Amino acid sequence: MAKFNKRPVEGEEVVRVRLPRGNEVLGILDRRLGGSRCEVRCLDAKTRICRIPGRLRRRLWVRERDVVLVEPWEYGGDKKGDIIYKYRPIQVEWLRKNGHLDKLEELDEF
């Protein structure tokens, strides 16, 4: 099994960025609460307590100020959700350049 270098490369180019589909929403992780739970400020002006699902728990490592993709729960979706994807810095730059993070910057300085 090959080990991959996770450091950003200077000439790295964005090929494909996962955008929100259906009821998914972009958000920024405000703080970690422990036990794979986090507080996320979402683009729809709601703050949700989000968890990292079991299938991603060991593969998805998040920190404060990370831009993530949140899927709100069917019941209690205004207050709870699942973190399903974390954007890399170059992808965040692409999202910002193409206007997908404008609402987040309006809510609070980014």
C-alpha atoms as a PDB file:
ATOM      1  CA  MET A   1       0.000   0.000   0.000  1.00  0.00           C
ATOM      2  CA  ALA A   2       1.474   3.306  -1.083  1.00  0.00           C
ATOM      3  CA  LYS A   3       1.656   6.235   1.293  1.00  0.00           C
ATOM      4  CA  PHE A   4       0.492   9.536  -0.098  1.00  0.00           C
ATOM      5  CA  ASN A   5       1.933  12.934   0.672  1.00  0.00           C
ATOM      6  CA  LYS A   6      -0.868  15.072   2.139  1.00  0.00           C
ATOM      7  CA  ARG A   7       1.021  18.352   2.092  1.00  0.00           C
ATOM      8  CA  PRO A   8      -0.270  20.858  -0.469  1.00  0.00           C
ATOM      9  CA  VAL A   9       1.766  21.048  -3.648  1.00  0.00           C
ATOM     10  CA  GLU A  10       2.572  24.464  -5.108  1.00  0.00           C
ATOM     11  CA  GLY A  11       1.263  23.641  -8.589  1.00  0.00           C
ATOM     12  CA  GLU A  12      -1.726  21.649  -7.343  1.00  0.00           C
ATOM     13  CA  GLU A  13      -4.800  22.214  -9.494  1.00  0.00           C
ATOM     14  CA  VAL A  14      -8.430  21.786  -8.513  1.00  0.00           C
ATOM     15  CA  VAL A  15      -9.989  19.152 -10.739  1.00  0.00           C
ATOM     16  CA  ARG A  16     -13.316  18.505  -9.042  1.00  0.00           C
ATOM     17  CA  VAL A  17     -14.930  20.051  -5.985  1.00  0.00           C
ATOM     18  CA  ARG A  18     -17.905  18.388  -4.315  1.00  0.00           C
ATOM     19  CA  LEU A  19     -20.795  20.843  -4.149  1.00  0.00           C
ATOM     20  CA  PRO A  20     -23.890  20.529  -1.932  1.00  0.00           C
ATOM     21  CA  ARG A  21     -26.700  18.397  -3.395  1.00  0.00           C
ATOM     22  CA  GLY A  22     -30.272  18.133  -2.185  1.00  0.00           C
ATOM     23  CA  ASN A  23     -30.552  19.337   1.396  1.00  0.00           C
ATOM     24  CA  GLU A  24     -26.775  19.391   2.073  1.00  0.00           C
ATOM     25  CA  VAL A  25     -25.291  22.695   3.232  1.00  0.00           C
ATOM     26  CA  LEU A  26     -21.786  24.161   3.615  1.00  0.00           C
ATOM     27  CA  GLY A  27     -20.564  25.159   7.056  1.00  0.00           C
ATOM     28  CA  ILE A  28     -17.548  26.083   9.115  1.00  0.00           C
ATOM     29  CA  LEU A  29     -16.587  24.113  12.205  1.00  0.00           C
ATOM     30  CA  ASP A  30     -16.711  26.414  15.236  1.00  0.00           C
ATOM     31  CA  ARG A  31     -15.626  24.045  17.989  1.00  0.00           C
ATOM     32  CA  ARG A  32     -15.147  20.382  18.796  1.00  0.00           C
ATOM     33  CA  LEU A  33     -17.304  18.988  21.560  1.00  0.00           C
ATOM     34  CA  GLY A  34     -15.757  15.536  21.954  1.00  0.00           C
ATOM     35  CA  GLY A  35     -17.034  12.090  21.079  1.00  0.00           C
ATOM     36  CA  SER A  36     -17.001  12.838  17.307  1.00  0.00           C
ATOM     37  CA  ARG A  37     -19.410  15.746  17.830  1.00  0.00           C
ATOM     38  CA  CYS A  38     -18.801  19.306  16.652  1.00  0.00           C
ATOM     39  CA  GLU A  39     -20.576  22.635  16.549  1.00  0.00           C
ATOM     40  CA  VAL A  40     -20.894  23.854  12.942  1.00  0.00           C
ATOM     41  CA  ARG A  41     -22.080  27.269  11.722  1.00  0.00           C
ATOM     42  CA  CYS A  42     -23.918  26.605   8.451  1.00  0.00           C
ATOM     43  CA  LEU A  43     -24.656  28.809   5.418  1.00  0.00           C
ATOM     44  CA  ASP A  44     -28.382  28.766   6.133  1.00  0.00           C
ATOM     45  CA  ALA A  45     -27.711  30.871   9.288  1.00  0.00           C
ATOM     46  CA  LYS A  46     -28.194  27.938  11.680  1.00  0.00           C
ATOM     47  CA  THR A  47     -25.749  26.475  14.176  1.00  0.00           C
ATOM     48  CA  ARG A  48     -25.937  22.691  14.312  1.00  0.00           C
ATOM     49  CA  ILE A  49     -24.456  20.053  16.583  1.00  0.00           C
ATOM     50  CA  CYS A  50     -22.987  17.671  14.012  1.00  0.00           C
ATOM     51  CA  ARG A  51     -21.421  14.259  14.354  1.00  0.00           C
ATOM     52  CA  ILE A  52     -18.990  12.347  12.188  1.00  0.00           C
ATOM     53  CA  PRO A  53     -20.737   9.111  11.112  1.00  0.00           C
ATOM     54  CA  GLY A  54     -19.144   5.789  12.023  1.00  0.00           C
ATOM     55  CA  ARG A  55     -18.077   4.982   8.452  1.00  0.00           C
ATOM     56  CA  LEU A  56     -15.959   8.189   8.373  1.00  0.00           C
ATOM     57  CA  ARG A  57     -14.864   8.373  12.006  1.00  0.00           C
ATOM     58  CA  ARG A  58     -11.310   7.097  11.477  1.00  0.00           C
ATOM     59  CA  ARG A  59     -10.811   8.673   8.039  1.00  0.00           C
ATOM     60  CA  LEU A  60     -12.144  12.201   8.577  1.00  0.00           C
ATOM     61  CA  TRP A  61     -10.087  14.368  10.924  1.00  0.00           C
ATOM     62  CA  VAL A  62     -11.431  17.859  11.464  1.00  0.00           C
ATOM     63  CA  ARG A  63     -10.201  20.969  13.240  1.00  0.00           C
ATOM     64  CA  GLU A  64     -11.735  24.291  14.146  1.00  0.00           C
ATOM     65  CA  ARG A  65     -12.165  26.679  11.179  1.00  0.00           C
ATOM     66  CA  ASP A  66     -12.406  23.779   8.671  1.00  0.00           C
ATOM     67  CA  VAL A  67     -14.991  24.147   5.910  1.00  0.00           C
ATOM     68  CA  VAL A  68     -17.226  21.068   5.859  1.00  0.00           C
ATOM     69  CA  LEU A  69     -20.290  19.715   4.089  1.00  0.00           C
ATOM     70  CA  VAL A  70     -23.200  19.012   6.450  1.00  0.00           C
ATOM     71  CA  GLU A  71     -26.244  16.841   5.863  1.00  0.00           C
ATOM     72  CA  PRO A  72     -29.041  17.926   8.264  1.00  0.00           C
ATOM     73  CA  TRP A  73     -30.983  15.170   9.981  1.00  0.00           C
ATOM     74  CA  GLU A  74     -34.469  14.326   8.801  1.00  0.00           C
ATOM     75  CA  TYR A  75     -35.827  14.921  12.318  1.00  0.00           C
ATOM     76  CA  GLY A  76     -34.363  17.857  14.208  1.00  0.00           C
ATOM     77  CA  GLY A  77     -32.506  19.029  11.095  1.00  0.00           C
ATOM     78  CA  ASP A  78     -32.394  22.636  12.294  1.00  0.00           C
ATOM     79  CA  LYS A  79     -30.276  21.640  15.292  1.00  0.00           C
ATOM     80  CA  LYS A  80     -28.461  18.434  14.302  1.00  0.00           C
ATOM     81  CA  GLY A  81     -26.651  16.964  11.300  1.00  0.00           C
ATOM     82  CA  ASP A  82     -23.836  14.783   9.981  1.00  0.00           C
ATOM     83  CA  ILE A  83     -20.466  15.960   8.666  1.00  0.00           C
ATOM     84  CA  ILE A  84     -20.007  14.086   5.398  1.00  0.00           C
ATOM     85  CA  TYR A  85     -17.041  15.850   3.747  1.00  0.00           C
ATOM     86  CA  LYS A  86     -14.129  18.126   4.646  1.00  0.00           C
ATOM     87  CA  TYR A  87     -12.748  20.536   2.046  1.00  0.00           C
ATOM     88  CA  ARG A  88      -9.012  20.928   1.510  1.00  0.00           C
ATOM     89  CA  PRO A  89      -7.481  24.440   1.527  1.00  0.00           C
ATOM     90  CA  ILE A  90      -7.213  24.631  -2.265  1.00  0.00           C
ATOM     91  CA  GLN A  91     -10.862  23.551  -2.580  1.00  0.00           C
ATOM     92  CA  VAL A  92     -11.893  26.226  -0.054  1.00  0.00           C
ATOM     93  CA  GLU A  93     -10.068  28.808  -2.179  1.00  0.00           C
ATOM     94  CA  TRP A  94     -11.969  27.587  -5.270  1.00  0.00           C
ATOM     95  CA  LEU A  95     -15.307  27.778  -3.402  1.00  0.00           C
ATOM     96  CA  ARG A  96     -14.520  31.305  -2.229  1.00  0.00           C
ATOM     97  CA  LYS A  97     -13.424  32.415  -5.707  1.00  0.00           C
ATOM     98  CA  ASN A  98     -16.621  31.054  -7.316  1.00  0.00           C
ATOM     99  CA  GLY A  99     -18.947  32.665  -4.761  1.00  0.00           C
ATOM    100  CA  HIS A 100     -20.132  29.604  -2.831  1.00  0.00           C
ATOM    101  CA  LEU A 101     -18.911  30.955   0.538  1.00  0.00           C
ATOM    102  CA  ASP A 102     -20.291  34.500   0.206  1.00  0.00           C
ATOM    103  CA  LYS A 103     -23.175  33.937   2.643  1.00  0.00           C
ATOM    104  CA  LEU A 104     -20.782  32.544   5.246  1.00  0.00           C
ATOM    105  CA  GLU A 105     -18.608  35.634   5.052  1.00  0.00           C
ATOM    106  CA  GLU A 106     -21.694  37.856   5.422  1.00  0.00           C
ATOM    107  CA  LEU A 107     -22.776  36.033   8.605  1.00  0.00           C
ATOM    108  CA  ASP A 108     -19.470  36.562  10.385  1.00  0.00           C
ATOM    109  CA  GLU A 109     -15.929  37.411   9.367  1.00  0.00           C
ATOM    110  CA  PHE A 110     -14.317  34.348   7.869  1.00  0.00           C
END
